Amino acid sequence: MIGTLAPISTTVEGRARLRVTPARVLLSEWTKFRSLRSSLYTVLVAVTLMVGIGALFTAITVNQPGGLEPGRSAVSTSLTGSFFAQLAIGVLGVLLITGEYSTGMIRSSLTVVPRRLPMLFGKVAVFAGVVFPTMLIASVTAFFIGQAILRGHGLGASLAAPEALPSVVGAALYVTVAGMISLALGALLRNTAAAITTFVAVFFVIPPLTQLLPTSWTEHFVHYLPSSIGDVLTGGISTSANALAPWTGFAVLCGYAAVLIGFAAWRLRRGDA
């Protein structure tokens, strides 16, 4: 009797050790994320763009005869780099999932995590957990550098100003959620070129094209564009009567991300790898 129970006990213990848990999936996705040099390089590029472009744009703007541009505040001017950083973070989000499809590693990932969805949600959690604090540090740095430049011309703002801290945090949140949208596009389209092209079109191409349309048309939808929401979140002064409040806009942006992640999860669950 004892001889027959021992192998069964060993088998049960072995299955317990091999059981897929959320913590193990997160650890697996974190290991994949940090093991790729491209992930680190892309994050560093995003930080450089956030801080560097913000300082450069601030220095150029403050030395122009007209000073700050209409619709821009001292805070939003220093955070201009966030709109360039989102491109790097968007590429990172796409590559995080399409890289596995292009190399065929996705089959191994889904073999280890047969329920599939924990793998996708694990990627989203690791991505957000890395990008948000990194972009928050970059946003704070960009703010202080920008205000130091502006203060020399009597235009600087303090972090204690009512719009400063929400805008600094809003810039980091905007870039993070934009990256989550790109990750969802990568999971949905499963092709690097197609996902990046779609991301660039939505965030960078469509907004300028709307300026060619009659105002009577654009005033009904332009404030729902991700770029318009990002402008408000980073402290931009909107002249539109229909502009969304910052946190209302952020909720809409999160809604976009949630819907796309939902579609990506549906395709991952129903389709082949």
C-alpha atoms as a PDB file:
ATOM      1  CA  MET A   1       0.000   0.000   0.000  1.00  0.00           C
ATOM      2  CA  ILE A   2       2.790   2.377   0.940  1.00  0.00           C
ATOM      3  CA  GLY A   3       4.674   1.531  -2.222  1.00  0.00           C
ATOM      4  CA  THR A   4       1.698   2.492  -4.399  1.00  0.00           C
ATOM      5  CA  LEU A   5       1.003   5.787  -2.591  1.00  0.00           C
ATOM      6  CA  ALA A   6       4.511   7.186  -2.884  1.00  0.00           C
ATOM      7  CA  PRO A   7       4.517   7.602  -6.696  1.00  0.00           C
ATOM      8  CA  ILE A   8       1.065   9.196  -6.584  1.00  0.00           C
ATOM      9  CA  SER A   9       2.216  11.689  -3.957  1.00  0.00           C
ATOM     10  CA  THR A  10       5.292  12.499  -5.997  1.00  0.00           C
ATOM     11  CA  THR A  11       3.161  13.043  -9.103  1.00  0.00           C
ATOM     12  CA  VAL A  12       0.814  15.400  -7.257  1.00  0.00           C
ATOM     13  CA  GLU A  13       3.737  17.408  -5.906  1.00  0.00           C
ATOM     14  CA  GLY A  14       5.248  17.614  -9.379  1.00  0.00           C
ATOM     15  CA  ARG A  15       1.992  18.884 -10.874  1.00  0.00           C
ATOM     16  CA  ALA A  16       1.718  21.493  -8.122  1.00  0.00           C
ATOM     17  CA  ARG A  17       5.205  22.746  -8.923  1.00  0.00           C
ATOM     18  CA  LEU A  18       4.355  22.978 -12.646  1.00  0.00           C
ATOM     19  CA  ARG A  19       0.966  24.617 -12.159  1.00  0.00           C
ATOM     20  CA  VAL A  20       0.443  27.850 -14.110  1.00  0.00           C
ATOM     21  CA  THR A  21      -0.337  30.728 -11.733  1.00  0.00           C
ATOM     22  CA  PRO A  22      -0.753  34.482 -12.361  1.00  0.00           C
ATOM     23  CA  ALA A  23       2.455  35.188 -10.429  1.00  0.00           C
ATOM     24  CA  ARG A  24       4.421  32.751 -12.565  1.00  0.00           C
ATOM     25  CA  VAL A  25       2.987  34.175 -15.773  1.00  0.00           C
ATOM     26  CA  LEU A  26       3.950  37.681 -14.661  1.00  0.00           C
ATOM     27  CA  LEU A  27       7.453  36.486 -13.799  1.00  0.00           C
ATOM     28  CA  SER A  28       7.728  34.824 -17.195  1.00  0.00           C
ATOM     29  CA  GLU A  29       6.633  37.965 -19.044  1.00  0.00           C
ATOM     30  CA  TRP A  30       8.967  40.117 -16.951  1.00  0.00           C
ATOM     31  CA  THR A  31      11.847  37.777 -17.786  1.00  0.00           C
ATOM     32  CA  LYS A  32      11.066  38.030 -21.499  1.00  0.00           C
ATOM     33  CA  PHE A  33      10.768  41.805 -21.275  1.00  0.00           C
ATOM     34  CA  ARG A  34      14.066  42.465 -19.497  1.00  0.00           C
ATOM     35  CA  SER A  35      16.002  39.853 -21.474  1.00  0.00           C
ATOM     36  CA  LEU A  36      15.521  41.822 -24.720  1.00  0.00           C
ATOM     37  CA  ARG A  37      18.008  44.635 -25.214  1.00  0.00           C
ATOM     38  CA  SER A  38      15.588  46.341 -27.588  1.00  0.00           C
ATOM     39  CA  SER A  39      13.146  46.839 -24.694  1.00  0.00           C
ATOM     40  CA  LEU A  40      15.722  48.711 -22.622  1.00  0.00           C
ATOM     41  CA  TYR A  41      16.936  50.753 -25.586  1.00  0.00           C
ATOM     42  CA  THR A  42      13.411  51.733 -26.598  1.00  0.00           C
ATOM     43  CA  VAL A  43      12.532  52.845 -23.066  1.00  0.00           C
ATOM     44  CA  LEU A  44      15.733  54.904 -22.929  1.00  0.00           C
ATOM     45  CA  VAL A  45      14.843  56.510 -26.271  1.00  0.00           C
ATOM     46  CA  ALA A  46      11.403  57.397 -24.895  1.00  0.00           C
ATOM     47  CA  VAL A  47      12.940  58.999 -21.799  1.00  0.00           C
ATOM     48  CA  THR A  48      15.408  60.938 -23.941  1.00  0.00           C
ATOM     49  CA  LEU A  49      12.624  62.206 -26.177  1.00  0.00           C
ATOM     50  CA  MET A  50      10.421  63.160 -23.233  1.00  0.00           C
ATOM     51  CA  VAL A  51      13.163  65.167 -21.536  1.00  0.00           C
ATOM     52  CA  GLY A  52      15.237  66.298 -24.501  1.00  0.00           C
ATOM     53  CA  ILE A  53      12.471  67.391 -26.851  1.00  0.00           C
ATOM     54  CA  GLY A  54      10.663  69.092 -23.990  1.00  0.00           C
ATOM     55  CA  ALA A  55      13.752  71.133 -23.088  1.00  0.00           C
ATOM     56  CA  LEU A  56      14.529  71.922 -26.728  1.00  0.00           C
ATOM     57  CA  PHE A  57      10.976  72.991 -27.547  1.00  0.00           C
ATOM     58  CA  THR A  58      10.809  75.113 -24.400  1.00  0.00           C
ATOM     59  CA  ALA A  59      14.083  76.861 -25.203  1.00  0.00           C
ATOM     60  CA  ILE A  60      13.014  77.588 -28.783  1.00  0.00           C
ATOM     61  CA  THR A  61       9.539  78.768 -27.779  1.00  0.00           C
ATOM     62  CA  VAL A  62      10.662  81.103 -25.025  1.00  0.00           C
ATOM     63  CA  ASN A  63      13.161  82.828 -27.318  1.00  0.00           C
ATOM     64  CA  GLN A  64      10.591  83.573 -30.003  1.00  0.00           C
ATOM     65  CA  PRO A  65       9.267  87.153 -30.170  1.00  0.00           C
ATOM     66  CA  GLY A  66       5.739  86.062 -29.366  1.00  0.00           C
ATOM     67  CA  GLY A  67       6.698  83.944 -26.360  1.00  0.00           C
ATOM     68  CA  LEU A  68       4.457  80.998 -25.534  1.00  0.00           C
ATOM     69  CA  GLU A  69       2.191  79.832 -28.321  1.00  0.00           C
ATOM     70  CA  PRO A  70      -1.580  80.381 -27.987  1.00  0.00           C
ATOM     71  CA  GLY A  71      -3.185  77.419 -26.287  1.00  0.00           C
ATOM     72  CA  ARG A  72       0.077  76.425 -24.554  1.00  0.00           C
ATOM     73  CA  SER A  73       0.927  77.002 -20.905  1.00  0.00           C
ATOM     74  CA  ALA A  74       4.297  76.963 -19.186  1.00  0.00           C
ATOM     75  CA  VAL A  75       3.514  73.445 -17.948  1.00  0.00           C
ATOM     76  CA  SER A  76       2.346  71.969 -21.257  1.00  0.00           C
ATOM     77  CA  THR A  77       5.285  73.512 -23.109  1.00  0.00           C
ATOM     78  CA  SER A  78       7.774  71.672 -20.914  1.00  0.00           C
ATOM     79  CA  LEU A  79       5.865  68.407 -21.469  1.00  0.00           C
ATOM     80  CA  THR A  80       5.820  68.610 -25.273  1.00  0.00           C
ATOM     81  CA  GLY A  81       8.268  65.706 -25.432  1.00  0.00           C
ATOM     82  CA  SER A  82       5.519  63.322 -24.327  1.00  0.00           C
ATOM     83  CA  PHE A  83       4.045  63.389 -27.841  1.00  0.00           C
ATOM     84  CA  PHE A  84       7.366  62.144 -29.223  1.00  0.00           C
ATOM     85  CA  ALA A  85       7.955  59.675 -26.400  1.00  0.00           C
ATOM     86  CA  GLN A  86       4.630  58.005 -27.178  1.00  0.00           C
ATOM     87  CA  LEU A  87       6.001  56.957 -30.569  1.00  0.00           C
ATOM     88  CA  ALA A  88       8.892  55.056 -28.966  1.00  0.00           C
ATOM     89  CA  ILE A  89       6.594  53.534 -26.347  1.00  0.00           C
ATOM     90  CA  GLY A  90       4.085  52.656 -29.065  1.00  0.00           C
ATOM     91  CA  VAL A  91       6.753  50.775 -31.005  1.00  0.00           C
ATOM     92  CA  LEU A  92       7.764  48.994 -27.798  1.00  0.00           C
ATOM     93  CA  GLY A  93       4.180  47.911 -27.150  1.00  0.00           C
ATOM     94  CA  VAL A  94       3.815  46.505 -30.649  1.00  0.00           C
ATOM     95  CA  LEU A  95       7.138  44.639 -30.611  1.00  0.00           C
ATOM     96  CA  LEU A  96       6.385  43.148 -27.209  1.00  0.00           C
ATOM     97  CA  ILE A  97       3.759  40.893 -28.804  1.00  0.00           C
ATOM     98  CA  THR A  98       4.456  40.819 -32.550  1.00  0.00           C
ATOM     99  CA  GLY A  99       8.074  39.852 -31.900  1.00  0.00           C
ATOM    100  CA  GLU A 100       6.828  36.509 -30.582  1.00  0.00           C
ATOM    101  CA  TYR A 101       4.665  35.977 -33.646  1.00  0.00           C
ATOM    102  CA  SER A 102       7.496  36.793 -36.057  1.00  0.00           C
ATOM    103  CA  THR A 103       9.926  34.386 -34.365  1.00  0.00           C
ATOM    104  CA  GLY A 104       7.377  31.660 -33.682  1.00  0.00           C
ATOM    105  CA  MET A 105       7.977  31.898 -29.930  1.00  0.00           C
ATOM    106  CA  ILE A 106       4.273  32.527 -29.430  1.00  0.00           C
ATOM    107  CA  ARG A 107       3.650  28.803 -29.848  1.00  0.00           C
ATOM    108  CA  SER A 108       5.929  28.014 -26.921  1.00  0.00           C
ATOM    109  CA  SER A 109       4.313  30.749 -24.820  1.00  0.00           C
ATOM    110  CA  LEU A 110       0.826  29.420 -25.466  1.00  0.00           C
ATOM    111  CA  THR A 111       1.933  25.848 -24.864  1.00  0.00           C
ATOM    112  CA  VAL A 112       3.156  26.827 -21.421  1.00  0.00           C
ATOM    113  CA  VAL A 113       0.037  28.948 -20.788  1.00  0.00           C
ATOM    114  CA  PRO A 114      -2.702  26.970 -22.568  1.00  0.00           C
ATOM    115  CA  ARG A 115      -5.491  29.235 -21.342  1.00  0.00           C
ATOM    116  CA  ARG A 116      -3.813  32.002 -23.399  1.00  0.00           C
ATOM    117  CA  LEU A 117      -5.439  35.039 -21.833  1.00  0.00           C
ATOM    118  CA  PRO A 118      -3.160  35.141 -18.750  1.00  0.00           C
ATOM    119  CA  MET A 119      -0.231  35.516 -21.146  1.00  0.00           C
ATOM    120  CA  LEU A 120      -1.797  38.574 -22.801  1.00  0.00           C
ATOM    121  CA  PHE A 121      -2.850  40.156 -19.524  1.00  0.00           C
ATOM    122  CA  GLY A 122       0.586  39.421 -18.094  1.00  0.00           C
ATOM    123  CA  LYS A 123       2.195  41.344 -20.947  1.00  0.00           C
ATOM    124  CA  VAL A 124      -0.132  44.277 -20.390  1.00  0.00           C
ATOM    125  CA  ALA A 125       0.605  44.305 -16.638  1.00  0.00           C
ATOM    126  CA  VAL A 126       4.382  44.108 -17.090  1.00  0.00           C
ATOM    127  CA  PHE A 127       4.300  46.767 -19.799  1.00  0.00           C
ATOM    128  CA  ALA A 128       2.258  49.208 -17.701  1.00  0.00           C
ATOM    129  CA  GLY A 129       4.294  48.429 -14.587  1.00  0.00           C
ATOM    130  CA  VAL A 130       7.538  49.355 -16.349  1.00  0.00           C
ATOM    131  CA  VAL A 131       6.391  52.221 -18.558  1.00  0.00           C
ATOM    132  CA  PHE A 132       4.330  54.280 -16.102  1.00  0.00           C
ATOM    133  CA  PRO A 133       6.944  54.804 -13.361  1.00  0.00           C
ATOM    134  CA  THR A 134       9.651  55.358 -15.980  1.00  0.00           C
ATOM    135  CA  MET A 135       7.588  57.948 -17.832  1.00  0.00           C
ATOM    136  CA  LEU A 136       6.554  59.578 -14.563  1.00  0.00           C
ATOM    137  CA  ILE A 137      10.209  60.120 -13.648  1.00  0.00           C
ATOM    138  CA  ALA A 138      10.885  61.427 -17.167  1.00  0.00           C
ATOM    139  CA  SER A 139       7.840  63.714 -16.979  1.00  0.00           C
ATOM    140  CA  VAL A 140       8.923  65.192 -13.646  1.00  0.00           C
ATOM    141  CA  THR A 141      12.441  65.706 -15.009  1.00  0.00           C
ATOM    142  CA  ALA A 142      11.131  67.363 -18.169  1.00  0.00           C
ATOM    143  CA  PHE A 143       8.927  69.639 -16.081  1.00  0.00           C
ATOM    144  CA  PHE A 144      11.729  70.889 -13.844  1.00  0.00           C
ATOM    145  CA  ILE A 145      14.151  71.395 -16.737  1.00  0.00           C
ATOM    146  CA  GLY A 146      11.515  73.234 -18.732  1.00  0.00           C
ATOM    147  CA  GLN A 147      10.540  75.456 -15.828  1.00  0.00           C
ATOM    148  CA  ALA A 148      14.187  76.268 -15.163  1.00  0.00           C
ATOM    149  CA  ILE A 149      14.448  77.520 -18.750  1.00  0.00           C
ATOM    150  CA  LEU A 150      11.187  79.456 -18.538  1.00  0.00           C
ATOM    151  CA  ARG A 151      12.006  80.927 -15.144  1.00  0.00           C
ATOM    152  CA  GLY A 152      14.886  82.829 -16.695  1.00  0.00           C
ATOM    153  CA  HIS A 153      12.282  84.716 -18.720  1.00  0.00           C
ATOM    154  CA  GLY A 154       9.827  85.153 -15.865  1.00  0.00           C
ATOM    155  CA  LEU A 155       7.419  82.490 -17.176  1.00  0.00           C
ATOM    156  CA  GLY A 156       8.159  79.472 -15.001  1.00  0.00           C
ATOM    157  CA  ALA A 157       5.570  77.631 -12.920  1.00  0.00           C
ATOM    158  CA  SER A 158       5.907  75.736  -9.659  1.00  0.00           C
ATOM    159  CA  LEU A 159       4.964  72.105  -9.169  1.00  0.00           C
ATOM    160  CA  ALA A 160       2.594  73.420  -6.492  1.00  0.00           C
ATOM    161  CA  ALA A 161       0.590  75.269  -9.153  1.00  0.00           C
ATOM    162  CA  PRO A 162      -2.951  73.860  -9.525  1.00  0.00           C
ATOM    163  CA  GLU A 163      -2.431  72.529 -13.063  1.00  0.00           C
ATOM    164  CA  ALA A 164       1.202  71.408 -12.700  1.00  0.00           C
ATOM    165  CA  LEU A 165       1.065  68.101 -10.825  1.00  0.00           C
ATOM    166  CA  PRO A 166      -2.043  66.781 -12.650  1.00  0.00           C
ATOM    167  CA  SER A 167      -0.374  67.595 -15.976  1.00  0.00           C
ATOM    168  CA  VAL A 168       2.909  65.924 -15.027  1.00  0.00           C
ATOM    169  CA  VAL A 169       1.094  62.767 -13.909  1.00  0.00           C
ATOM    170  CA  GLY A 170      -1.282  63.054 -16.875  1.00  0.00           C
ATOM    171  CA  ALA A 171       1.621  63.036 -19.341  1.00  0.00           C
ATOM    172  CA  ALA A 172       2.939  59.777 -17.885  1.00  0.00           C
ATOM    173  CA  LEU A 173      -0.535  58.233 -17.880  1.00  0.00           C
ATOM    174  CA  TYR A 174      -1.165  59.321 -21.464  1.00  0.00           C
ATOM    175  CA  VAL A 175       2.053  57.787 -22.794  1.00  0.00           C
ATOM    176  CA  THR A 176       1.418  54.575 -20.826  1.00  0.00           C
ATOM    177  CA  VAL A 177      -2.138  54.083 -22.083  1.00  0.00           C
ATOM    178  CA  ALA A 178      -1.067  54.987 -25.637  1.00  0.00           C
ATOM    179  CA  GLY A 179       1.499  52.196 -25.359  1.00  0.00           C
ATOM    180  CA  MET A 180      -1.162  49.794 -24.094  1.00  0.00           C
ATOM    181  CA  ILE A 181      -3.242  50.651 -27.159  1.00  0.00           C
ATOM    182  CA  SER A 182      -0.265  49.837 -29.380  1.00  0.00           C
ATOM    183  CA  LEU A 183       0.238  46.534 -27.558  1.00  0.00           C
ATOM    184  CA  ALA A 184      -3.414  45.691 -28.145  1.00  0.00           C
ATOM    185  CA  LEU A 185      -3.046  46.555 -31.841  1.00  0.00           C
ATOM    186  CA  GLY A 186      -0.027  44.261 -32.044  1.00  0.00           C
ATOM    187  CA  ALA A 187      -1.954  41.416 -30.421  1.00  0.00           C
ATOM    188  CA  LEU A 188      -4.943  42.044 -32.675  1.00  0.00           C
ATOM    189  CA  LEU A 189      -3.118  42.437 -36.003  1.00  0.00           C
ATOM    190  CA  ARG A 190      -0.144  40.139 -35.215  1.00  0.00           C
ATOM    191  CA  ASN A 191       2.024  41.984 -37.705  1.00  0.00           C
ATOM    192  CA  THR A 192       4.646  44.557 -36.729  1.00  0.00           C
ATOM    193  CA  ALA A 193       4.351  46.777 -39.801  1.00  0.00           C
ATOM    194  CA  ALA A 194       0.541  46.769 -39.786  1.00  0.00           C
ATOM    195  CA  ALA A 195       0.287  47.516 -36.057  1.00  0.00           C
ATOM    196  CA  ILE A 196       2.855  50.338 -36.074  1.00  0.00           C
ATOM    197  CA  THR A 197       1.291  51.860 -39.194  1.00  0.00           C
ATOM    198  CA  THR A 198      -2.150  51.813 -37.574  1.00  0.00           C
ATOM    199  CA  PHE A 199      -0.781  53.335 -34.376  1.00  0.00           C
ATOM    200  CA  VAL A 200       1.021  56.124 -36.252  1.00  0.00           C
ATOM    201  CA  ALA A 201      -2.054  56.818 -38.364  1.00  0.00           C
ATOM    202  CA  VAL A 202      -4.342  57.176 -35.342  1.00  0.00           C
ATOM    203  CA  PHE A 203      -1.981  59.226 -33.169  1.00  0.00           C
ATOM    204  CA  PHE A 204       0.005  61.249 -35.702  1.00  0.00           C
ATOM    205  CA  VAL A 205      -1.609  61.311 -39.151  1.00  0.00           C
ATOM    206  CA  ILE A 206      -5.353  61.647 -38.594  1.00  0.00           C
ATOM    207  CA  PRO A 207      -5.198  64.642 -36.165  1.00  0.00           C
ATOM    208  CA  PRO A 208      -3.509  67.036 -38.673  1.00  0.00           C
ATOM    209  CA  LEU A 209      -5.832  65.852 -41.441  1.00  0.00           C
ATOM    210  CA  THR A 210      -8.874  66.862 -39.411  1.00  0.00           C
ATOM    211  CA  GLN A 211      -7.750  70.485 -39.771  1.00  0.00           C
ATOM    212  CA  LEU A 212      -8.604  70.237 -43.472  1.00  0.00           C
ATOM    213  CA  LEU A 213     -12.229  69.463 -42.676  1.00  0.00           C
ATOM    214  CA  PRO A 214     -14.912  72.070 -41.938  1.00  0.00           C
ATOM    215  CA  THR A 215     -15.072  73.107 -38.293  1.00  0.00           C
ATOM    216  CA  SER A 216     -18.763  72.234 -38.224  1.00  0.00           C
ATOM    217  CA  TRP A 217     -17.721  68.592 -38.720  1.00  0.00           C
ATOM    218  CA  THR A 218     -14.642  68.327 -36.545  1.00  0.00           C
ATOM    219  CA  GLU A 219     -16.141  70.033 -33.496  1.00  0.00           C
ATOM    220  CA  HIS A 220     -18.279  66.939 -32.949  1.00  0.00           C
ATOM    221  CA  PHE A 221     -15.480  64.370 -32.792  1.00  0.00           C
ATOM    222  CA  VAL A 222     -12.001  65.932 -32.752  1.00  0.00           C
ATOM    223  CA  HIS A 223     -11.908  66.178 -28.942  1.00  0.00           C
ATOM    224  CA  TYR A 224     -12.322  62.391 -28.771  1.00  0.00           C
ATOM    225  CA  LEU A 225      -9.110  61.773 -30.699  1.00  0.00           C
ATOM    226  CA  PRO A 226      -6.302  60.330 -28.543  1.00  0.00           C
ATOM    227  CA  SER A 227      -3.975  63.210 -29.445  1.00  0.00           C
ATOM    228  CA  SER A 228      -6.567  65.781 -28.334  1.00  0.00           C
ATOM    229  CA  ILE A 229      -7.008  63.934 -25.060  1.00  0.00           C
ATOM    230  CA  GLY A 230      -3.241  63.872 -24.605  1.00  0.00           C
ATOM    231  CA  ASP A 231      -3.009  67.612 -25.189  1.00  0.00           C
ATOM    232  CA  VAL A 232      -5.556  68.268 -22.454  1.00  0.00           C
ATOM    233  CA  LEU A 233      -3.916  65.791 -20.064  1.00  0.00           C
ATOM    234  CA  THR A 234      -0.549  67.519 -20.426  1.00  0.00           C
ATOM    235  CA  GLY A 235      -1.978  70.926 -19.592  1.00  0.00           C
ATOM    236  CA  GLY A 236      -2.843  72.312 -23.005  1.00  0.00           C
ATOM    237  CA  ILE A 237      -5.388  75.138 -23.027  1.00  0.00           C
ATOM    238  CA  SER A 238      -8.212  74.071 -25.313  1.00  0.00           C
ATOM    239  CA  THR A 239     -10.163  76.693 -27.230  1.00  0.00           C
ATOM    240  CA  SER A 240     -12.935  74.247 -28.100  1.00  0.00           C
ATOM    241  CA  ALA A 241     -16.198  74.533 -26.217  1.00  0.00           C
ATOM    242  CA  ASN A 242     -16.653  70.746 -26.533  1.00  0.00           C
ATOM    243  CA  ALA A 243     -13.225  69.825 -25.113  1.00  0.00           C
ATOM    244  CA  LEU A 244     -13.267  66.996 -22.588  1.00  0.00           C
ATOM    245  CA  ALA A 245     -12.168  67.547 -19.018  1.00  0.00           C
ATOM    246  CA  PRO A 246      -8.735  65.984 -18.379  1.00  0.00           C
ATOM    247  CA  TRP A 247      -9.877  62.977 -16.380  1.00  0.00           C
ATOM    248  CA  THR A 248     -12.964  62.464 -18.530  1.00  0.00           C
ATOM    249  CA  GLY A 249     -10.646  62.321 -21.511  1.00  0.00           C
ATOM    250  CA  PHE A 250      -8.387  59.894 -19.676  1.00  0.00           C
ATOM    251  CA  ALA A 251     -11.385  57.645 -19.005  1.00  0.00           C
ATOM    252  CA  VAL A 252     -12.213  57.716 -22.734  1.00  0.00           C
ATOM    253  CA  LEU A 253      -8.593  56.843 -23.575  1.00  0.00           C
ATOM    254  CA  CYS A 254      -8.692  53.928 -21.134  1.00  0.00           C
ATOM    255  CA  GLY A 255     -11.941  52.863 -22.785  1.00  0.00           C
ATOM    256  CA  TYR A 256     -10.183  52.703 -26.159  1.00  0.00           C
ATOM    257  CA  ALA A 257      -7.436  50.554 -24.638  1.00  0.00           C
ATOM    258  CA  ALA A 258      -9.924  48.265 -22.877  1.00  0.00           C
ATOM    259  CA  VAL A 259     -11.965  47.696 -26.039  1.00  0.00           C
ATOM    260  CA  LEU A 260      -8.896  46.907 -28.138  1.00  0.00           C
ATOM    261  CA  ILE A 261      -7.470  44.593 -25.486  1.00  0.00           C
ATOM    262  CA  GLY A 262     -10.865  42.887 -25.352  1.00  0.00           C
ATOM    263  CA  PHE A 263     -10.846  42.302 -29.112  1.00  0.00           C
ATOM    264  CA  ALA A 264      -7.247  41.084 -28.929  1.00  0.00           C
ATOM    265  CA  ALA A 265      -8.207  38.665 -26.137  1.00  0.00           C
ATOM    266  CA  TRP A 266     -11.159  37.405 -28.178  1.00  0.00           C
ATOM    267  CA  ARG A 267      -8.967  36.743 -31.204  1.00  0.00           C
ATOM    268  CA  LEU A 268      -6.265  35.113 -29.106  1.00  0.00           C
ATOM    269  CA  ARG A 269      -8.851  32.868 -27.475  1.00  0.00           C
ATOM    270  CA  ARG A 270     -10.668  31.922 -30.683  1.00  0.00           C
ATOM    271  CA  GLY A 271      -7.965  31.959 -33.343  1.00  0.00           C
ATOM    272  CA  ASP A 272      -4.816  29.978 -34.019  1.00  0.00           C
ATOM    273  CA  ALA A 273      -1.431  31.203 -32.836  1.00  0.00           C
END
